[in-house]
């Protein structure tokens, strides 16, 4: 118990100590200069949805979603089909554990971009296992995790392959120019 607590405290301190402000390179600034808001919305939509690649949304807090949920990026929000636990459908009692099955109640979830506190970028392979759903072996190339962070109970993480990172960051900077971006 004490060892696991110490590991968690160490990881939290390590993450805080290892953050730095993100500074876009010339390629990102060039994309940003030539990108309209509509193009930025489209690029962010493709990055979060991850169509035609093993990238895309990989984690969240504040809502549950299916991997094939319809996700839409707008100028000021992201909407997606989410679900919450509905009525109990079945309960199987076992000697070691009970299995309870609930129905999924679907609703449209709105992730309000105006409430973002920060945008965090994770690229260190040693940190990626901290996010189990985002640690992917099926991506051969280097990839980044971008965390749109509102607060401890609401965030959205998605994977961007290195080949798409510059365009995605340019789109984020066009849509969310005032939100601080941190490298972790």
Protein backbone atom coordinates (compact mmCIF):
# COMPACT_ATOMS: atom_id res chain seq x y z
CA UNK A 1 0.00 0.00 0.00
CA UNK A 2 2.75 2.47 0.96
CA UNK A 3 4.87 1.58 -2.07
CA UNK A 4 2.00 2.16 -4.52
CA UNK A 5 1.20 5.49 -2.84
CA UNK A 6 4.84 6.56 -3.12
CA UNK A 7 4.91 5.57 -6.80
CA UNK A 8 1.80 7.67 -7.49
CA UNK A 9 3.25 10.66 -5.61
CA UNK A 10 6.56 10.29 -7.47
CA UNK A 11 4.79 10.12 -10.87
CA UNK A 12 2.71 13.22 -10.07
CA UNK A 13 5.80 15.18 -9.04
CA UNK A 14 7.68 13.91 -12.10
CA UNK A 15 4.89 15.04 -14.44
CA UNK A 16 4.77 18.48 -12.83
CA UNK A 17 8.53 18.91 -12.94
CA UNK A 18 8.80 17.79 -16.55
CA UNK A 19 6.37 20.25 -18.08
CA UNK A 20 7.42 23.09 -20.31
CA UNK A 21 5.54 25.57 -22.45
CA UNK A 22 5.04 24.43 -26.02
CA UNK A 23 6.64 26.64 -28.64
CA UNK A 24 5.50 25.95 -32.21
CA UNK A 25 8.24 25.48 -34.78
CA UNK A 26 8.33 27.22 -38.15
CA UNK A 27 6.39 24.45 -39.93
CA UNK A 28 3.51 24.73 -37.44
CA UNK A 29 3.50 28.54 -37.74
CA UNK A 30 3.39 28.27 -41.57
CA UNK A 31 0.41 25.90 -41.39
CA UNK A 32 -1.24 28.21 -38.87
CA UNK A 33 -0.83 31.31 -41.09
CA UNK A 34 -2.43 29.65 -44.11
CA UNK A 35 -5.22 27.82 -42.23
CA UNK A 36 -8.78 29.08 -42.02
CA UNK A 37 -11.00 28.34 -39.02
CA UNK A 38 -13.04 25.91 -41.14
CA UNK A 39 -9.88 24.05 -42.17
CA UNK A 40 -8.76 23.93 -38.53
CA UNK A 41 -12.11 22.42 -37.52
CA UNK A 42 -11.79 19.77 -40.24
CA UNK A 43 -8.20 18.87 -39.30
CA UNK A 44 -9.03 18.61 -35.58
CA UNK A 45 -12.10 16.51 -36.45
CA UNK A 46 -9.90 14.08 -38.42
CA UNK A 47 -7.29 13.93 -35.66
CA UNK A 48 -9.74 13.28 -32.85
CA UNK A 49 -11.81 10.81 -34.86
CA UNK A 50 -8.69 9.04 -36.17
CA UNK A 51 -10.29 7.91 -39.42
CA UNK A 52 -7.99 5.88 -41.68
CA UNK A 53 -5.39 5.41 -38.94
CA UNK A 54 -4.90 3.68 -35.59
CA UNK A 55 -4.86 7.10 -33.91
CA UNK A 56 -7.75 9.17 -32.52
CA UNK A 57 -9.64 9.47 -29.24
CA UNK A 58 -8.22 7.12 -26.62
CA UNK A 59 -9.43 8.34 -23.25
CA UNK A 60 -11.71 10.66 -21.39
CA UNK A 61 -12.97 11.67 -17.99
CA UNK A 62 -16.47 12.92 -17.42
CA UNK A 63 -18.18 10.75 -20.03
CA UNK A 64 -18.14 7.28 -21.58
CA UNK A 65 -18.14 6.71 -25.32
CA UNK A 66 -18.08 3.85 -27.78
CA UNK A 67 -15.14 3.68 -30.16
CA UNK A 68 -17.47 4.16 -33.11
CA UNK A 69 -19.29 7.13 -31.56
CA UNK A 70 -20.07 9.99 -33.89
CA UNK A 71 -17.70 12.83 -32.95
CA UNK A 72 -18.13 16.36 -34.31
CA UNK A 73 -15.72 19.24 -33.80
CA UNK A 74 -17.15 22.76 -33.93
CA UNK A 75 -15.42 26.11 -33.42
CA UNK A 76 -16.28 26.21 -29.72
CA UNK A 77 -17.12 22.63 -28.73
CA UNK A 78 -16.80 18.94 -29.47
CA UNK A 79 -19.96 16.87 -29.45
CA UNK A 80 -20.18 13.12 -29.40
CA UNK A 81 -22.61 10.34 -28.71
CA UNK A 82 -21.93 9.27 -25.15
CA UNK A 83 -23.65 6.93 -22.72
CA UNK A 84 -24.37 6.55 -19.04
CA UNK A 85 -25.43 3.55 -17.04
CA UNK A 86 -29.14 2.81 -17.39
CA UNK A 87 -31.35 0.23 -15.76
CA UNK A 88 -29.97 -3.09 -14.59
CA UNK A 89 -30.53 -5.84 -17.15
CA UNK A 90 -28.92 -8.84 -15.48
CA UNK A 91 -27.07 -9.90 -12.36
CA UNK A 92 -25.09 -13.12 -12.04
CA UNK A 93 -23.87 -14.00 -8.57
CA UNK A 94 -20.58 -15.81 -8.23
CA UNK A 95 -18.72 -16.87 -5.11
CA UNK A 96 -15.83 -14.50 -5.84
CA UNK A 97 -17.54 -11.62 -7.68
CA UNK A 98 -20.91 -10.55 -9.04
CA UNK A 99 -21.43 -9.62 -12.67
CA UNK A 100 -23.99 -6.88 -13.23
CA UNK A 101 -25.05 -5.83 -16.73
CA UNK A 102 -26.64 -2.43 -17.28
CA UNK A 103 -28.27 -0.95 -20.34
CA UNK A 104 -26.51 1.96 -22.04
CA UNK A 105 -28.49 5.20 -22.15
CA UNK A 106 -27.16 7.30 -25.01
CA UNK A 107 -27.10 11.09 -25.08
CA UNK A 108 -25.17 13.84 -26.85
CA UNK A 109 -22.24 15.01 -24.74
CA UNK A 110 -20.83 18.51 -25.28
CA UNK A 111 -17.16 19.09 -24.50
CA UNK A 112 -16.99 22.88 -24.15
CA UNK A 113 -13.68 24.18 -25.55
CA UNK A 114 -14.12 27.57 -23.89
CA UNK A 115 -13.66 25.86 -20.50
CA UNK A 116 -10.22 24.40 -21.35
CA UNK A 117 -7.65 25.06 -18.67
CA UNK A 118 -4.72 23.67 -20.65
CA UNK A 119 -3.68 21.51 -23.55
CA UNK A 120 -1.06 18.93 -22.60
CA UNK A 121 1.18 17.13 -25.07
CA UNK A 122 2.79 13.83 -24.05
CA UNK A 123 5.48 12.34 -26.26
CA UNK A 124 7.82 10.54 -23.87
CA UNK A 125 7.46 6.75 -24.40
CA UNK A 126 8.07 6.19 -20.69
CA UNK A 127 5.05 8.35 -19.79
CA UNK A 128 2.64 6.84 -22.31
CA UNK A 129 1.83 3.75 -20.15
CA UNK A 130 0.43 6.17 -17.53
CA UNK A 131 -2.61 6.34 -19.86
CA UNK A 132 -3.47 2.66 -20.42
CA UNK A 133 -5.98 3.21 -23.23
CA UNK A 134 -3.53 5.51 -25.02
CA UNK A 135 -0.51 3.20 -24.84
CA UNK A 136 -0.77 1.56 -28.25
CA UNK A 137 1.40 -1.17 -29.73
CA UNK A 138 -0.42 -1.09 -33.09
CA UNK A 139 1.16 2.27 -33.99
CA UNK A 140 4.62 1.59 -35.33
CA UNK A 141 5.68 5.22 -35.64
CA UNK A 142 6.25 7.75 -32.89
CA UNK A 143 3.03 9.32 -31.68
CA UNK A 144 1.82 12.01 -29.31
CA UNK A 145 -1.05 12.13 -26.87
CA UNK A 146 -2.88 15.44 -26.79
CA UNK A 147 -4.94 16.00 -23.66
CA UNK A 148 -7.64 18.67 -23.81
CA UNK A 149 -7.87 19.34 -20.08
CA UNK A 150 -10.77 21.15 -18.44
CA UNK A 151 -10.31 19.87 -14.88
CA UNK A 152 -9.59 16.65 -12.97
CA UNK A 153 -13.05 15.30 -13.77
CA UNK A 154 -13.30 16.34 -17.43
CA UNK A 155 -10.78 15.85 -20.20
CA UNK A 156 -10.39 14.31 -23.64
CA UNK A 157 -7.23 12.51 -24.81
CA UNK A 158 -6.43 11.59 -28.38
CA UNK A 159 -3.48 10.09 -30.24
CA UNK A 160 -1.81 11.91 -33.12
CA UNK A 161 0.81 10.20 -35.21
CA UNK A 162 4.00 12.19 -35.70
CA UNK A 163 3.29 12.74 -39.42
CA UNK A 164 0.03 14.57 -38.51
CA UNK A 165 1.27 16.40 -35.42
CA UNK A 166 2.26 19.73 -37.01
CA UNK A 167 -1.08 20.21 -38.81
CA UNK A 168 -3.01 19.18 -35.71
CA UNK A 169 -1.11 21.62 -33.51
CA UNK A 170 -1.62 24.41 -36.07
CA UNK A 171 -5.37 23.66 -36.03
CA UNK A 172 -5.43 23.75 -32.22
CA UNK A 173 -3.56 27.06 -32.19
CA UNK A 174 -6.02 28.55 -34.73
CA UNK A 175 -9.08 27.42 -32.75
CA UNK A 176 -7.72 27.89 -29.21
CA UNK A 177 -5.06 30.63 -29.31
CA UNK A 178 -5.44 31.67 -25.63
CA UNK A 179 -5.25 28.20 -24.06
CA UNK A 180 -1.80 27.38 -22.63
CA UNK A 181 -0.09 24.41 -24.28
CA UNK A 182 2.36 22.37 -22.18
CA UNK A 183 4.85 19.68 -23.15
CA UNK A 184 4.85 16.91 -20.57
